[in-house]
Amino acid sequence: MAAAIHTQTVEATVTVRVSQAAAGDLAAGARAQLERVDGIDVEDLSIAGLQPGLNDTTVEAVATLSVAEVRDANQPAERVADRLSDGFGVEPEQVERVEPPG
């Protein structure tokens, strides 16, 4: 039996390290870094703060994310923060469900 793929929308407060060599502005760099995480699409992102570093800039952002959820594959929606923390340079601070899985 094939598993159905559903998405849910979450709002996440995250810290993202953006390389100074990244294309575009800081918001585009943070968006790209988040979208490298498997099953994550960024619907909206706003920068809440930043801290310059030698090789990268640490961006604090609030993002609305569309998260792919594979039902019956032991990946419940509550593990979104774990999934985000698996992304390089991404540290979730808070993740809240905006709407139930659909």
PDB file of N, CA and C in Angstrom:
ATOM      1  N   MET A   1       0.839  -1.169   0.000  1.00  0.00           N
ATOM      2  CA  MET A   1       0.000   0.000   0.000  1.00  0.00           C
ATOM      3  C   MET A   1       0.887   1.236   0.000  1.00  0.00           C
ATOM      4  N   ALA A   2       0.664   2.136  -0.919  1.00  0.00           N
ATOM      5  CA  ALA A   2       1.459   3.357  -1.023  1.00  0.00           C
ATOM      6  C   ALA A   2       1.032   4.344   0.051  1.00  0.00           C
ATOM      7  N   ALA A   3       2.012   5.060   0.590  1.00  0.00           N
ATOM      8  CA  ALA A   3       1.724   6.071   1.600  1.00  0.00           C
ATOM      9  C   ALA A   3       1.299   7.364   0.903  1.00  0.00           C
ATOM     10  N   ALA A   4       0.323   8.023   1.475  1.00  0.00           N
ATOM     11  CA  ALA A   4      -0.142   9.302   0.933  1.00  0.00           C
ATOM     12  C   ALA A   4       0.712  10.430   1.505  1.00  0.00           C
ATOM     13  N   ILE A   5       1.068  11.373   0.646  1.00  0.00           N
ATOM     14  CA  ILE A   5       1.854  12.514   1.088  1.00  0.00           C
ATOM     15  C   ILE A   5       0.919  13.693   1.272  1.00  0.00           C
ATOM     16  N   HIS A   6       0.942  14.260   2.463  1.00  0.00           N
ATOM     17  CA  HIS A   6       0.124  15.414   2.802  1.00  0.00           C
ATOM     18  C   HIS A   6       1.046  16.535   3.256  1.00  0.00           C
ATOM     19  N   THR A   7       0.548  17.740   3.250  1.00  0.00           N
ATOM     20  CA  THR A   7       1.334  18.860   3.754  1.00  0.00           C
ATOM     21  C   THR A   7       0.577  19.539   4.876  1.00  0.00           C
ATOM     22  N   GLN A   8       1.325  20.209   5.718  1.00  0.00           N
ATOM     23  CA  GLN A   8       0.735  21.028   6.767  1.00  0.00           C
ATOM     24  C   GLN A   8       1.507  22.335   6.794  1.00  0.00           C
ATOM     25  N   THR A   9       0.887  23.360   7.301  1.00  0.00           N
ATOM     26  CA  THR A   9       1.514  24.660   7.412  1.00  0.00           C
ATOM     27  C   THR A   9       1.882  24.906   8.861  1.00  0.00           C
ATOM     28  N   VAL A  10       3.138  25.314   9.073  1.00  0.00           N
ATOM     29  CA  VAL A  10       3.607  25.626  10.418  1.00  0.00           C
ATOM     30  C   VAL A  10       4.282  26.990  10.399  1.00  0.00           C
ATOM     31  N   GLU A  11       4.304  27.624  11.556  1.00  0.00           N
ATOM     32  CA  GLU A  11       5.074  28.845  11.726  1.00  0.00           C
ATOM     33  C   GLU A  11       6.243  28.502  12.623  1.00  0.00           C
ATOM     34  N   ALA A  12       7.435  28.853  12.168  1.00  0.00           N
ATOM     35  CA  ALA A  12       8.636  28.507  12.914  1.00  0.00           C
ATOM     36  C   ALA A  12       9.496  29.736  13.141  1.00  0.00           C
ATOM     37  N   THR A  13       9.988  29.848  14.359  1.00  0.00           N
ATOM     38  CA  THR A  13      11.003  30.843  14.673  1.00  0.00           C
ATOM     39  C   THR A  13      12.319  30.086  14.635  1.00  0.00           C
ATOM     40  N   VAL A  14      13.223  30.521  13.756  1.00  0.00           N
ATOM     41  CA  VAL A  14      14.454  29.780  13.522  1.00  0.00           C
ATOM     42  C   VAL A  14      15.658  30.727  13.506  1.00  0.00           C
ATOM     43  N   THR A  15      16.809  30.141  13.742  1.00  0.00           N
ATOM     44  CA  THR A  15      18.082  30.824  13.544  1.00  0.00           C
ATOM     45  C   THR A  15      18.764  30.101  12.392  1.00  0.00           C
ATOM     46  N   VAL A  16      19.177  30.873  11.383  1.00  0.00           N
ATOM     47  CA  VAL A  16      19.758  30.292  10.178  1.00  0.00           C
ATOM     48  C   VAL A  16      21.095  30.974   9.899  1.00  0.00           C
ATOM     49  N   ARG A  17      22.124  30.169   9.667  1.00  0.00           N
ATOM     50  CA  ARG A  17      23.418  30.727   9.273  1.00  0.00           C
ATOM     51  C   ARG A  17      23.444  30.880   7.761  1.00  0.00           C
ATOM     52  N   VAL A  18      23.668  32.110   7.295  1.00  0.00           N
ATOM     53  CA  VAL A  18      23.691  32.411   5.864  1.00  0.00           C
ATOM     54  C   VAL A  18      25.109  32.822   5.493  1.00  0.00           C
ATOM     55  N   SER A  19      25.689  32.124   4.536  1.00  0.00           N
ATOM     56  CA  SER A  19      27.035  32.423   4.071  1.00  0.00           C
ATOM     57  C   SER A  19      27.088  33.809   3.455  1.00  0.00           C
ATOM     58  N   GLN A  20      28.196  34.511   3.665  1.00  0.00           N
ATOM     59  CA  GLN A  20      28.372  35.816   3.045  1.00  0.00           C
ATOM     60  C   GLN A  20      28.488  35.692   1.531  1.00  0.00           C
ATOM     61  N   ALA A  21      28.777  34.495   1.031  1.00  0.00           N
ATOM     62  CA  ALA A  21      28.883  34.263  -0.409  1.00  0.00           C
ATOM     63  C   ALA A  21      27.546  33.854  -1.028  1.00  0.00           C
ATOM     64  N   ALA A  22      26.501  33.776  -0.222  1.00  0.00           N
ATOM     65  CA  ALA A  22      25.190  33.360  -0.734  1.00  0.00           C
ATOM     66  C   ALA A  22      24.654  34.394  -1.712  1.00  0.00           C
ATOM     67  N   ALA A  23      23.962  33.890  -2.733  1.00  0.00           N
ATOM     68  CA  ALA A  23      23.362  34.775  -3.734  1.00  0.00           C
ATOM     69  C   ALA A  23      22.153  35.497  -3.150  1.00  0.00           C
ATOM     70  N   GLY A  24      21.950  36.743  -3.565  1.00  0.00           N
ATOM     71  CA  GLY A  24      20.776  37.493  -3.121  1.00  0.00           C
ATOM     72  C   GLY A  24      20.983  38.138  -1.765  1.00  0.00           C
ATOM     73  N   ASP A  25      19.878  38.568  -1.173  1.00  0.00           N
ATOM     74  CA  ASP A  25      19.935  39.219   0.129  1.00  0.00           C
ATOM     75  C   ASP A  25      19.842  38.187   1.253  1.00  0.00           C
ATOM     76  N   LEU A  26      19.854  38.653   2.494  1.00  0.00           N
ATOM     77  CA  LEU A  26      19.819  37.730   3.636  1.00  0.00           C
ATOM     78  C   LEU A  26      18.542  36.906   3.690  1.00  0.00           C
ATOM     79  N   ALA A  27      17.413  37.523   3.343  1.00  0.00           N
ATOM     80  CA  ALA A  27      16.148  36.780   3.346  1.00  0.00           C
ATOM     81  C   ALA A  27      16.193  35.649   2.328  1.00  0.00           C
ATOM     82  N   ALA A  28      16.728  35.920   1.137  1.00  0.00           N
ATOM     83  CA  ALA A  28      16.842  34.884   0.105  1.00  0.00           C
ATOM     84  C   ALA A  28      17.797  33.785   0.551  1.00  0.00           C
ATOM     85  N   GLY A  29      18.882  34.161   1.220  1.00  0.00           N
ATOM     86  CA  GLY A  29      19.823  33.171   1.723  1.00  0.00           C
ATOM     87  C   GLY A  29      19.221  32.293   2.804  1.00  0.00           C
ATOM     88  N   ALA A  30      18.466  32.899   3.715  1.00  0.00           N
ATOM     89  CA  ALA A  30      17.803  32.128   4.769  1.00  0.00           C
ATOM     90  C   ALA A  30      16.748  31.200   4.177  1.00  0.00           C
ATOM     91  N   ARG A  31      15.995  31.712   3.216  1.00  0.00           N
ATOM     92  CA  ARG A  31      14.976  30.900   2.533  1.00  0.00           C
ATOM     93  C   ARG A  31      15.619  29.686   1.859  1.00  0.00           C
ATOM     94  N   ALA A  32      16.709  29.920   1.139  1.00  0.00           N
ATOM     95  CA  ALA A  32      17.403  28.832   0.451  1.00  0.00           C
ATOM     96  C   ALA A  32      17.919  27.792   1.437  1.00  0.00           C
ATOM     97  N   GLN A  33      18.465  28.248   2.562  1.00  0.00           N
ATOM     98  CA  GLN A  33      18.995  27.328   3.571  1.00  0.00           C
ATOM     99  C   GLN A  33      17.872  26.466   4.158  1.00  0.00           C
ATOM    100  N   LEU A  34      16.719  27.074   4.433  1.00  0.00           N
ATOM    101  CA  LEU A  34      15.583  26.310   4.966  1.00  0.00           C
ATOM    102  C   LEU A  34      15.050  25.323   3.941  1.00  0.00           C
ATOM    103  N   GLU A  35      15.003  25.724   2.675  1.00  0.00           N
ATOM    104  CA  GLU A  35      14.444  24.843   1.640  1.00  0.00           C
ATOM    105  C   GLU A  35      15.376  23.697   1.276  1.00  0.00           C
ATOM    106  N   ARG A  36      16.595  23.714   1.788  1.00  0.00           N
ATOM    107  CA  ARG A  36      17.494  22.567   1.604  1.00  0.00           C
ATOM    108  C   ARG A  36      17.086  21.394   2.498  1.00  0.00           C
ATOM    109  N   VAL A  37      16.286  21.689   3.504  1.00  0.00           N
ATOM    110  CA  VAL A  37      15.810  20.642   4.409  1.00  0.00           C
ATOM    111  C   VAL A  37      14.727  19.843   3.672  1.00  0.00           C
ATOM    112  N   ASP A  38      14.865  18.535   3.676  1.00  0.00           N
ATOM    113  CA  ASP A  38      13.944  17.656   2.963  1.00  0.00           C
ATOM    114  C   ASP A  38      12.502  17.869   3.400  1.00  0.00           C
ATOM    115  N   GLY A  39      11.618  18.107   2.428  1.00  0.00           N
ATOM    116  CA  GLY A  39      10.193  18.232   2.700  1.00  0.00           C
ATOM    117  C   GLY A  39       9.743  19.589   3.193  1.00  0.00           C
ATOM    118  N   ILE A  40      10.612  20.602   3.129  1.00  0.00           N
ATOM    119  CA  ILE A  40      10.283  21.945   3.620  1.00  0.00           C
ATOM    120  C   ILE A  40      10.223  22.919   2.453  1.00  0.00           C
ATOM    121  N   ASP A  41       9.127  23.675   2.358  1.00  0.00           N
ATOM    122  CA  ASP A  41       8.992  24.778   1.413  1.00  0.00           C
ATOM    123  C   ASP A  41       8.646  26.022   2.218  1.00  0.00           C
ATOM    124  N   VAL A  42       9.287  27.131   1.916  1.00  0.00           N
ATOM    125  CA  VAL A  42       9.053  28.385   2.620  1.00  0.00           C
ATOM    126  C   VAL A  42       7.963  29.162   1.898  1.00  0.00           C
ATOM    127  N   GLU A  43       6.870  29.426   2.595  1.00  0.00           N
ATOM    128  CA  GLU A  43       5.787  30.234   2.033  1.00  0.00           C
ATOM    129  C   GLU A  43       6.026  31.712   2.289  1.00  0.00           C
ATOM    130  N   ASP A  44       6.531  32.047   3.479  1.00  0.00           N
ATOM    131  CA  ASP A  44       6.779  33.437   3.845  1.00  0.00           C
ATOM    132  C   ASP A  44       7.902  33.456   4.871  1.00  0.00           C
ATOM    133  N   LEU A  45       8.722  34.523   4.841  1.00  0.00           N
ATOM    134  CA  LEU A  45       9.825  34.627   5.776  1.00  0.00           C
ATOM    135  C   LEU A  45      10.062  36.094   6.088  1.00  0.00           C
ATOM    136  N   SER A  46      10.198  36.405   7.370  1.00  0.00           N
ATOM    137  CA  SER A  46      10.547  37.764   7.766  1.00  0.00           C
ATOM    138  C   SER A  46      11.713  37.694   8.747  1.00  0.00           C
ATOM    139  N   ILE A  47      12.644  38.604   8.561  1.00  0.00           N
ATOM    140  CA  ILE A  47      13.836  38.637   9.405  1.00  0.00           C
ATOM    141  C   ILE A  47      13.507  39.393  10.691  1.00  0.00           C
ATOM    142  N   ALA A  48      13.833  38.771  11.826  1.00  0.00           N
ATOM    143  CA  ALA A  48      13.573  39.373  13.131  1.00  0.00           C
ATOM    144  C   ALA A  48      14.847  39.927  13.762  1.00  0.00           C
ATOM    145  N   GLY A  49      15.993  39.494  13.279  1.00  0.00           N
ATOM    146  CA  GLY A  49      17.254  39.979  13.813  1.00  0.00           C
ATOM    147  C   GLY A  49      18.413  39.335  13.085  1.00  0.00           C
ATOM    148  N   LEU A  50      19.604  39.902  13.252  1.00  0.00           N
ATOM    149  CA  LEU A  50      20.781  39.301  12.643  1.00  0.00           C
ATOM    150  C   LEU A  50      22.026  39.626  13.428  1.00  0.00           C
ATOM    151  N   GLN A  51      23.009  38.754  13.242  1.00  0.00           N
ATOM    152  CA  GLN A  51      24.285  38.913  13.918  1.00  0.00           C
ATOM    153  C   GLN A  51      25.383  38.576  12.909  1.00  0.00           C
ATOM    154  N   PRO A  52      26.147  39.593  12.472  1.00  0.00           N
ATOM    155  CA  PRO A  52      27.222  39.354  11.506  1.00  0.00           C
ATOM    156  C   PRO A  52      28.337  38.509  12.113  1.00  0.00           C
ATOM    157  N   GLY A  53      28.925  37.665  11.283  1.00  0.00           N
ATOM    158  CA  GLY A  53      30.064  36.857  11.691  1.00  0.00           C
ATOM    159  C   GLY A  53      31.164  36.976  10.652  1.00  0.00           C
ATOM    160  N   LEU A  54      32.260  36.294  10.863  1.00  0.00           N
ATOM    161  CA  LEU A  54      33.396  36.369   9.960  1.00  0.00           C
ATOM    162  C   LEU A  54      33.068  35.780   8.589  1.00  0.00           C
ATOM    163  N   ASN A  55      32.448  34.600   8.552  1.00  0.00           N
ATOM    164  CA  ASN A  55      32.168  33.919   7.292  1.00  0.00           C
ATOM    165  C   ASN A  55      30.685  33.830   6.961  1.00  0.00           C
ATOM    166  N   ASP A  56      29.852  34.096   7.942  1.00  0.00           N
ATOM    167  CA  ASP A  56      28.414  34.003   7.708  1.00  0.00           C
ATOM    168  C   ASP A  56      27.684  34.992   8.610  1.00  0.00           C
ATOM    169  N   THR A  57      26.408  35.150   8.339  1.00  0.00           N
ATOM    170  CA  THR A  57      25.556  36.001   9.158  1.00  0.00           C
ATOM    171  C   THR A  57      24.494  35.116   9.777  1.00  0.00           C
ATOM    172  N   THR A  58      24.304  35.236  11.071  1.00  0.00           N
ATOM    173  CA  THR A  58      23.257  34.489  11.752  1.00  0.00           C
ATOM    174  C   THR A  58      21.980  35.306  11.667  1.00  0.00           C
ATOM    175  N   VAL A  59      20.972  34.718  11.037  1.00  0.00           N
ATOM    176  CA  VAL A  59      19.698  35.391  10.805  1.00  0.00           C
ATOM    177  C   VAL A  59      18.641  34.769  11.703  1.00  0.00           C
ATOM    178  N   GLU A  60      17.970  35.597  12.489  1.00  0.00           N
ATOM    179  CA  GLU A  60      16.811  35.139  13.256  1.00  0.00           C
ATOM    180  C   GLU A  60      15.601  35.471  12.407  1.00  0.00           C
ATOM    181  N   ALA A  61      14.758  34.474  12.134  1.00  0.00           N
ATOM    182  CA  ALA A  61      13.633  34.682  11.233  1.00  0.00           C
ATOM    183  C   ALA A  61      12.386  33.984  11.743  1.00  0.00           C
ATOM    184  N   VAL A  62      11.259  34.508  11.311  1.00  0.00           N
ATOM    185  CA  VAL A  62       9.966  33.866  11.535  1.00  0.00           C
ATOM    186  C   VAL A  62       9.488  33.455  10.142  1.00  0.00           C
ATOM    187  N   ALA A  63       9.228  32.170   9.975  1.00  0.00           N
ATOM    188  CA  ALA A  63       8.878  31.653   8.659  1.00  0.00           C
ATOM    189  C   ALA A  63       7.594  30.841   8.707  1.00  0.00           C
ATOM    190  N   THR A  64       6.800  30.987   7.674  1.00  0.00           N
ATOM    191  CA  THR A  64       5.650  30.117   7.470  1.00  0.00           C
ATOM    192  C   THR A  64       6.106  29.053   6.486  1.00  0.00           C
ATOM    193  N   LEU A  65       6.011  27.808   6.916  1.00  0.00           N
ATOM    194  CA  LEU A  65       6.551  26.697   6.140  1.00  0.00           C
ATOM    195  C   LEU A  65       5.465  25.712   5.748  1.00  0.00           C
ATOM    196  N   SER A  66       5.582  25.173   4.569  1.00  0.00           N
ATOM    197  CA  SER A  66       4.757  24.065   4.132  1.00  0.00           C
ATOM    198  C   SER A  66       5.617  22.815   4.310  1.00  0.00           C
ATOM    199  N   VAL A  67       5.134  21.887   5.122  1.00  0.00           N
ATOM    200  CA  VAL A  67       5.921  20.715   5.485  1.00  0.00           C
ATOM    201  C   VAL A  67       5.258  19.460   4.942  1.00  0.00           C
ATOM    202  N   ALA A  68       6.005  18.719   4.142  1.00  0.00           N
ATOM    203  CA  ALA A  68       5.495  17.449   3.625  1.00  0.00           C
ATOM    204  C   ALA A  68       5.506  16.433   4.759  1.00  0.00           C
ATOM    205  N   GLU A  69       4.414  15.741   4.889  1.00  0.00           N
ATOM    206  CA  GLU A  69       4.263  14.719   5.928  1.00  0.00           C
ATOM    207  C   GLU A  69       3.866  13.430   5.238  1.00  0.00           C
ATOM    208  N   VAL A  70       4.629  12.392   5.481  1.00  0.00           N
ATOM    209  CA  VAL A  70       4.294  11.098   4.913  1.00  0.00           C
ATOM    210  C   VAL A  70       3.531  10.330   5.973  1.00  0.00           C
ATOM    211  N   ARG A  71       2.269  10.108   5.723  1.00  0.00           N
ATOM    212  CA  ARG A  71       1.453   9.377   6.708  1.00  0.00           C
ATOM    213  C   ARG A  71       1.856   7.915   6.714  1.00  0.00           C
ATOM    214  N   ASP A  72       1.736   7.311   7.856  1.00  0.00           N
ATOM    215  CA  ASP A  72       2.067   5.917   8.075  1.00  0.00           C
ATOM    216  C   ASP A  72       3.539   5.620   7.836  1.00  0.00           C
ATOM    217  N   ALA A  73       4.388   6.642   7.921  1.00  0.00           N
ATOM    218  CA  ALA A  73       5.817   6.411   7.728  1.00  0.00           C
ATOM    219  C   ALA A  73       6.610   6.834   8.965  1.00  0.00           C
ATOM    220  N   ASN A  74       5.939   6.883  10.109  1.00  0.00           N
ATOM    221  CA  ASN A  74       6.582   7.195  11.381  1.00  0.00           C
ATOM    222  C   ASN A  74       7.242   8.570  11.373  1.00  0.00           C
ATOM    223  N   GLN A  75       6.615   9.550  10.706  1.00  0.00           N
ATOM    224  CA  GLN A  75       7.117  10.919  10.700  1.00  0.00           C
ATOM    225  C   GLN A  75       5.976  11.868  11.040  1.00  0.00           C
ATOM    226  N   PRO A  76       5.519  11.875  12.294  1.00  0.00           N
ATOM    227  CA  PRO A  76       4.404  12.749  12.652  1.00  0.00           C
ATOM    228  C   PRO A  76       4.774  14.222  12.557  1.00  0.00           C
ATOM    229  N   ALA A  77       3.774  15.048  12.402  1.00  0.00           N
ATOM    230  CA  ALA A  77       3.966  16.488  12.230  1.00  0.00           C
ATOM    231  C   ALA A  77       4.718  17.112  13.394  1.00  0.00           C
ATOM    232  N   GLU A  78       4.611  16.543  14.572  1.00  0.00           N
ATOM    233  CA  GLU A  78       5.270  17.102  15.747  1.00  0.00           C
ATOM    234  C   GLU A  78       6.788  17.044  15.645  1.00  0.00           C
ATOM    235  N   ARG A  79       7.311  16.357  14.668  1.00  0.00           N
ATOM    236  CA  ARG A  79       8.768  16.241  14.515  1.00  0.00           C
ATOM    237  C   ARG A  79       9.340  17.267  13.542  1.00  0.00           C
ATOM    238  N   VAL A  80       8.585  18.289  13.236  1.00  0.00           N
ATOM    239  CA  VAL A  80       9.058  19.326  12.317  1.00  0.00           C
ATOM    240  C   VAL A  80      10.330  19.977  12.854  1.00  0.00           C
ATOM    241  N   ALA A  81      10.373  20.273  14.137  1.00  0.00           N
ATOM    242  CA  ALA A  81      11.572  20.886  14.729  1.00  0.00           C
ATOM    243  C   ALA A  81      12.786  19.978  14.564  1.00  0.00           C
ATOM    244  N   ASP A  82      12.588  18.671  14.756  1.00  0.00           N
ATOM    245  CA  ASP A  82      13.689  17.730  14.563  1.00  0.00           C
ATOM    246  C   ASP A  82      14.160  17.739  13.113  1.00  0.00           C
ATOM    247  N   ARG A  83      13.205  17.795  12.195  1.00  0.00           N
ATOM    248  CA  ARG A  83      13.546  17.813  10.773  1.00  0.00           C
ATOM    249  C   ARG A  83      14.332  19.083  10.435  1.00  0.00           C
ATOM    250  N   LEU A  84      13.887  20.219  10.965  1.00  0.00           N
ATOM    251  CA  LEU A  84      14.589  21.474  10.713  1.00  0.00           C
ATOM    252  C   LEU A  84      16.009  21.447  11.278  1.00  0.00           C
ATOM    253  N   SER A  85      16.166  20.894  12.471  1.00  0.00           N
ATOM    254  CA  SER A  85      17.490  20.879  13.095  1.00  0.00           C
ATOM    255  C   SER A  85      18.459  19.967  12.354  1.00  0.00           C
ATOM    256  N   ASP A  86      17.957  19.088  11.509  1.00  0.00           N
ATOM    257  CA  ASP A  86      18.820  18.253  10.673  1.00  0.00           C
ATOM    258  C   ASP A  86      19.442  19.054   9.534  1.00  0.00           C
ATOM    259  N   GLY A  87      18.879  20.229   9.233  1.00  0.00           N
ATOM    260  CA  GLY A  87      19.410  21.074   8.169  1.00  0.00           C
ATOM    261  C   GLY A  87      20.678  21.770   8.619  1.00  0.00           C
ATOM    262  N   PHE A  88      21.660  21.855   7.748  1.00  0.00           N
ATOM    263  CA  PHE A  88      22.926  22.500   8.075  1.00  0.00           C
ATOM    264  C   PHE A  88      22.699  23.981   8.344  1.00  0.00           C
ATOM    265  N   GLY A  89      23.143  24.449   9.495  1.00  0.00           N
ATOM    266  CA  GLY A  89      23.042  25.857   9.835  1.00  0.00           C
ATOM    267  C   GLY A  89      21.651  26.315  10.227  1.00  0.00           C
ATOM    268  N   VAL A  90      20.755  25.379  10.546  1.00  0.00           N
ATOM    269  CA  VAL A  90      19.382  25.727  10.920  1.00  0.00           C
ATOM    270  C   VAL A  90      19.132  25.263  12.350  1.00  0.00           C
ATOM    271  N   GLU A  91      18.678  26.186  13.197  1.00  0.00           N
ATOM    272  CA  GLU A  91      18.333  25.855  14.573  1.00  0.00           C
ATOM    273  C   GLU A  91      16.915  26.349  14.859  1.00  0.00           C
ATOM    274  N   PRO A  92      15.964  25.442  15.007  1.00  0.00           N
ATOM    275  CA  PRO A  92      14.600  25.874  15.336  1.00  0.00           C
ATOM    276  C   PRO A  92      14.500  26.301  16.788  1.00  0.00           C
ATOM    277  N   GLU A  93      13.798  27.393  17.023  1.00  0.00           N
ATOM    278  CA  GLU A  93      13.566  27.854  18.394  1.00  0.00           C
ATOM    279  C   GLU A  93      12.149  27.514  18.838  1.00  0.00           C
ATOM    280  N   GLN A  94      11.189  27.677  17.916  1.00  0.00           N
ATOM    281  CA  GLN A  94       9.794  27.386  18.236  1.00  0.00           C
ATOM    282  C   GLN A  94       9.082  27.009  16.940  1.00  0.00           C
ATOM    283  N   VAL A  95       8.259  25.975  16.996  1.00  0.00           N
ATOM    284  CA  VAL A  95       7.476  25.549  15.842  1.00  0.00           C
ATOM    285  C   VAL A  95       6.033  25.377  16.297  1.00  0.00           C
ATOM    286  N   GLU A  96       5.123  26.038  15.601  1.00  0.00           N
ATOM    287  CA  GLU A  96       3.695  25.945  15.933  1.00  0.00           C
ATOM    288  C   GLU A  96       2.909  25.567  14.700  1.00  0.00           C
ATOM    289  N   ARG A  97       1.944  24.692  14.882  1.00  0.00           N
ATOM    290  CA  ARG A  97       1.064  24.311  13.782  1.00  0.00           C
ATOM    291  C   ARG A  97       0.096  25.446  13.492  1.00  0.00           C
ATOM    292  N   VAL A  98      -0.020  25.817  12.222  1.00  0.00           N
ATOM    293  CA  VAL A  98      -0.953  26.863  11.807  1.00  0.00           C
ATOM    294  C   VAL A  98      -2.269  26.238  11.388  1.00  0.00           C
ATOM    295  N   GLU A  99      -2.192  25.145  10.670  1.00  0.00           N
ATOM    296  CA  GLU A  99      -3.396  24.441  10.249  1.00  0.00           C
ATOM    297  C   GLU A  99      -3.127  22.944  10.330  1.00  0.00           C
ATOM    298  N   PRO A 100      -4.156  22.145  10.506  1.00  0.00           N
ATOM    299  CA  PRO A 100      -3.960  20.705  10.598  1.00  0.00           C
ATOM    300  C   PRO A 100      -3.527  20.134   9.248  1.00  0.00           C
ATOM    301  N   PRO A 101      -2.928  18.944   9.254  1.00  0.00           N
ATOM    302  CA  PRO A 101      -2.550  18.313   7.988  1.00  0.00           C
ATOM    303  C   PRO A 101      -3.757  18.175   7.083  1.00  0.00           C
ATOM    304  N   GLY A 102      -3.515  18.301   5.782  1.00  0.00           N
ATOM    305  CA  GLY A 102      -4.631  18.215   4.846  1.00  0.00           C
ATOM    306  C   GLY A 102      -4.477  17.213   3.795  1.00  0.00           C
TER     307      GLY A 102
END
